[in-house]
């Protein structure tokens, strides 16, 4: 019987969810396509009908999460939202809310930060991670540039350094929570960390172009 589009999509979804479980349990480098197919209750042939290899499957997972997290901010940047700083803040708050309340986002973040081995054997996966991290960095810098144009951030803000600063604050909190979630009240802490990070962009002279930290 010919597979319908809905059946094919359902099978693909089974494989993605199974991959999440296997990657989380075994680590990405040690996980095999055979294990993922078995976890989904499917044959390896069925898996190959949807995905060429492990990297292709991981890329599909990353694309879904990245789209969920970034689409609204992308739209705001493209449409020149009138208050880009508020849009950026809301995007970051939403990201942490998804992390806390969406099991798929939480499990993928756990895999991404704690289960992706940076080894030569895992180079293809690491390349995919780097590609999406670069996309996130470029999106963040575009949002900050628009904030500067709107006058919400200083005209002499060092955009590259400011992007690194903001990512450091966000990723640092994310990893702290993933390692010991019981030690961090994410719903209370995330908005404060975001506000402190954005406030520093507005007020800290060390985030301005040409600034240098004084020697201790």
Protein backbone atom coordinates (compact mmCIF):
# COMPACT_ATOMS: atom_id res chain seq x y z
CA UNK A 1 0.00 0.00 0.00
CA UNK A 2 1.30 3.41 -0.94
CA UNK A 3 2.33 5.49 2.05
CA UNK A 4 0.33 8.65 2.52
CA UNK A 5 1.98 11.97 3.27
CA UNK A 6 0.46 11.92 6.76
CA UNK A 7 1.85 8.44 7.45
CA UNK A 8 5.29 9.48 6.25
CA UNK A 9 5.21 12.54 8.50
CA UNK A 10 4.13 10.41 11.45
CA UNK A 11 7.01 8.01 10.86
CA UNK A 12 9.47 10.89 10.60
CA UNK A 13 8.16 12.28 13.88
CA UNK A 14 8.60 8.88 15.56
CA UNK A 15 12.21 8.79 14.43
CA UNK A 16 12.95 12.32 15.64
CA UNK A 17 11.50 11.62 19.08
CA UNK A 18 13.33 8.29 19.26
CA UNK A 19 16.59 10.01 18.33
CA UNK A 20 16.09 12.49 21.16
CA UNK A 21 15.77 9.65 23.66
CA UNK A 22 18.74 7.69 22.31
CA UNK A 23 20.99 10.75 22.02
CA UNK A 24 20.08 11.76 25.57
CA UNK A 25 20.68 8.28 26.95
CA UNK A 26 23.80 7.30 25.01
CA UNK A 27 25.35 10.54 23.84
CA UNK A 28 25.37 11.55 20.20
CA UNK A 29 28.70 9.94 19.29
CA UNK A 30 27.80 6.52 20.72
CA UNK A 31 24.22 6.44 19.44
CA UNK A 32 23.66 4.30 16.34
CA UNK A 33 20.99 4.50 13.66
CA UNK A 34 20.04 0.92 14.48
CA UNK A 35 19.33 1.90 18.09
CA UNK A 36 17.25 4.86 16.96
CA UNK A 37 15.21 2.73 14.56
CA UNK A 38 14.60 0.13 17.28
CA UNK A 39 13.60 2.84 19.75
CA UNK A 40 11.02 4.05 17.23
CA UNK A 41 9.77 0.51 16.60
CA UNK A 42 10.85 0.74 12.96
CA UNK A 43 13.38 -0.85 10.66
CA UNK A 44 16.67 0.74 9.75
CA UNK A 45 15.41 0.85 6.18
CA UNK A 46 12.48 3.00 7.29
CA UNK A 47 14.94 5.38 8.93
CA UNK A 48 17.00 5.66 5.75
CA UNK A 49 13.87 6.54 3.82
CA UNK A 50 13.72 9.77 5.86
CA UNK A 51 17.34 10.49 6.85
CA UNK A 52 20.63 9.86 5.07
CA UNK A 53 22.70 9.45 8.23
CA UNK A 54 23.01 10.51 11.86
CA UNK A 55 24.10 14.01 10.89
CA UNK A 56 21.01 14.47 8.72
CA UNK A 57 18.78 13.39 11.61
CA UNK A 58 20.56 15.68 14.10
CA UNK A 59 20.29 18.57 11.64
CA UNK A 60 16.52 18.03 11.37
CA UNK A 61 16.19 18.14 15.16
CA UNK A 62 18.31 21.28 15.39
CA UNK A 63 16.36 22.98 12.60
CA UNK A 64 13.06 22.38 14.40
CA UNK A 65 14.29 23.78 17.71
CA UNK A 66 16.08 26.71 16.09
CA UNK A 67 12.98 27.62 14.10
CA UNK A 68 10.79 27.53 17.23
CA UNK A 69 13.19 29.74 19.16
CA UNK A 70 14.20 32.18 16.44
CA UNK A 71 11.23 32.63 14.10
CA UNK A 72 9.49 35.42 16.01
CA UNK A 73 12.71 37.39 16.44
CA UNK A 74 13.54 36.88 12.77
CA UNK A 75 10.16 38.32 11.85
CA UNK A 76 10.68 41.32 14.14
CA UNK A 77 14.10 42.04 12.63
CA UNK A 78 12.82 41.69 9.08
CA UNK A 79 9.81 43.92 9.79
CA UNK A 80 11.85 46.52 11.70
CA UNK A 81 9.82 46.12 14.90
CA UNK A 82 9.38 49.54 16.56
CA UNK A 83 10.85 48.41 19.92
CA UNK A 84 13.57 45.93 19.01
CA UNK A 85 15.04 45.86 22.49
CA UNK A 86 11.70 44.70 23.92
CA UNK A 87 11.42 42.14 21.12
CA UNK A 88 14.88 40.78 21.89
CA UNK A 89 14.13 40.59 25.60
CA UNK A 90 10.88 38.74 24.96
CA UNK A 91 12.60 36.28 22.62
CA UNK A 92 15.14 35.43 25.32
CA UNK A 93 12.47 35.10 28.01
CA UNK A 94 10.44 32.85 25.71
CA UNK A 95 13.48 30.67 25.08
CA UNK A 96 13.89 30.00 28.80
CA UNK A 97 10.16 29.40 29.23
CA UNK A 98 10.30 26.76 26.48
CA UNK A 99 13.33 25.23 28.12
CA UNK A 100 11.46 24.91 31.39
CA UNK A 101 8.05 23.79 30.13
CA UNK A 102 8.61 22.07 26.76
CA UNK A 103 10.03 18.56 27.14
CA UNK A 104 11.33 18.43 23.57
CA UNK A 105 13.25 21.71 23.93
CA UNK A 106 14.58 20.71 27.34
CA UNK A 107 15.81 17.31 26.17
CA UNK A 108 17.43 18.74 23.04
CA UNK A 109 19.19 21.44 25.07
CA UNK A 110 20.47 18.75 27.44
CA UNK A 111 21.83 16.81 24.46
CA UNK A 112 23.33 19.88 22.83
CA UNK A 113 25.18 21.12 25.90
CA UNK A 114 25.95 17.90 27.78
CA UNK A 115 25.76 14.97 25.36
CA UNK A 116 27.53 16.18 22.20
CA UNK A 117 31.11 15.02 22.35
CA UNK A 118 33.64 17.31 20.65
CA UNK A 119 35.74 14.55 19.11
CA UNK A 120 37.10 13.85 15.64
CA UNK A 121 34.62 11.01 15.24
CA UNK A 122 31.80 13.44 15.98
CA UNK A 123 33.11 16.17 13.67
CA UNK A 124 30.05 16.16 11.42
CA UNK A 125 27.73 16.78 14.38
CA UNK A 126 30.02 19.50 15.75
CA UNK A 127 29.99 21.21 12.34
CA UNK A 128 26.18 21.30 12.44
CA UNK A 129 26.25 22.76 15.95
CA UNK A 130 28.73 25.42 14.88
CA UNK A 131 26.58 26.36 11.89
CA UNK A 132 23.49 26.97 14.02
CA UNK A 133 25.49 28.77 16.71
CA UNK A 134 26.79 31.11 14.00
CA UNK A 135 23.24 31.70 12.77
CA UNK A 136 22.16 32.56 16.34
CA UNK A 137 25.14 34.89 16.73
CA UNK A 138 24.35 36.67 13.46
CA UNK A 139 20.68 36.99 14.41
CA UNK A 140 21.58 38.44 17.83
CA UNK A 141 24.01 40.92 16.30
CA UNK A 142 21.36 41.99 13.76
CA UNK A 143 18.88 42.59 16.59
CA UNK A 144 21.43 44.64 18.54
CA UNK A 145 22.30 46.66 15.45
CA UNK A 146 18.63 47.54 15.03
CA UNK A 147 18.45 48.50 18.73
CA UNK A 148 21.34 50.90 18.14
CA UNK A 149 19.63 52.43 15.10
CA UNK A 150 16.47 52.93 17.16
CA UNK A 151 18.43 54.67 19.93
CA UNK A 152 17.71 51.98 22.53
CA UNK A 153 21.42 51.14 22.80
CA UNK A 154 24.48 53.44 22.60
CA UNK A 155 25.60 54.46 19.12
CA UNK A 156 29.18 53.40 19.90
CA UNK A 157 28.25 49.93 21.20
CA UNK A 158 30.83 47.31 20.21
CA UNK A 159 28.36 45.00 18.45
CA UNK A 160 30.62 41.95 18.19
CA UNK A 161 31.65 42.16 21.84
CA UNK A 162 28.09 42.94 22.95
CA UNK A 163 26.85 39.84 21.13
CA UNK A 164 29.48 37.72 22.87
CA UNK A 165 28.53 39.24 26.23
CA UNK A 166 24.83 38.56 25.77
CA UNK A 167 25.42 35.00 24.56
CA UNK A 168 27.72 34.36 27.53
CA UNK A 169 25.01 35.40 29.99
CA UNK A 170 22.30 33.35 28.27
CA UNK A 171 24.34 30.19 27.68
CA UNK A 172 25.89 30.37 31.13
CA UNK A 173 22.50 30.38 32.85
CA UNK A 174 21.20 27.70 30.51
CA UNK A 175 24.08 25.36 31.32
CA UNK A 176 23.86 26.03 35.06
CA UNK A 177 20.20 25.03 34.99
CA UNK A 178 20.77 21.94 32.84
CA UNK A 179 23.46 20.61 35.17
CA UNK A 180 21.61 21.33 38.45
CA UNK A 181 18.01 22.39 37.72
CA UNK A 182 17.05 22.10 41.38
CA UNK A 183 19.52 24.87 42.27
CA UNK A 184 18.13 27.49 39.90
CA UNK A 185 14.58 28.85 39.89
CA UNK A 186 14.59 29.50 36.17
CA UNK A 187 11.25 31.29 36.01
CA UNK A 188 12.49 33.88 38.52
CA UNK A 189 16.17 33.98 37.56
CA UNK A 190 16.04 34.09 33.74
CA UNK A 191 14.20 37.44 33.40
CA UNK A 192 16.57 39.04 35.93
CA UNK A 193 19.69 37.74 34.18
CA UNK A 194 18.34 38.96 30.84
CA UNK A 195 17.51 42.40 32.26
CA UNK A 196 20.97 42.70 33.86
CA UNK A 197 22.64 41.67 30.59
CA UNK A 198 20.59 44.13 28.52
CA UNK A 199 21.08 46.86 31.12
CA UNK A 200 24.83 46.41 30.83
CA UNK A 201 24.55 46.87 27.07
CA UNK A 202 22.88 50.21 27.73
CA UNK A 203 25.13 51.47 30.50
CA UNK A 204 28.50 49.69 30.82
CA UNK A 205 31.32 51.71 29.16
CA UNK A 206 33.36 48.52 28.70
CA UNK A 207 30.85 47.43 26.07
CA UNK A 208 31.58 50.50 23.92
CA UNK A 209 33.82 50.40 20.85
CA UNK A 210 37.48 50.92 21.71
CA UNK A 211 37.00 50.27 25.44
CA UNK A 212 39.63 48.26 27.27
CA UNK A 213 39.52 46.67 30.68
CA UNK A 214 41.93 48.24 33.15
CA UNK A 215 44.76 46.09 34.48
CA UNK A 216 44.16 44.60 37.93
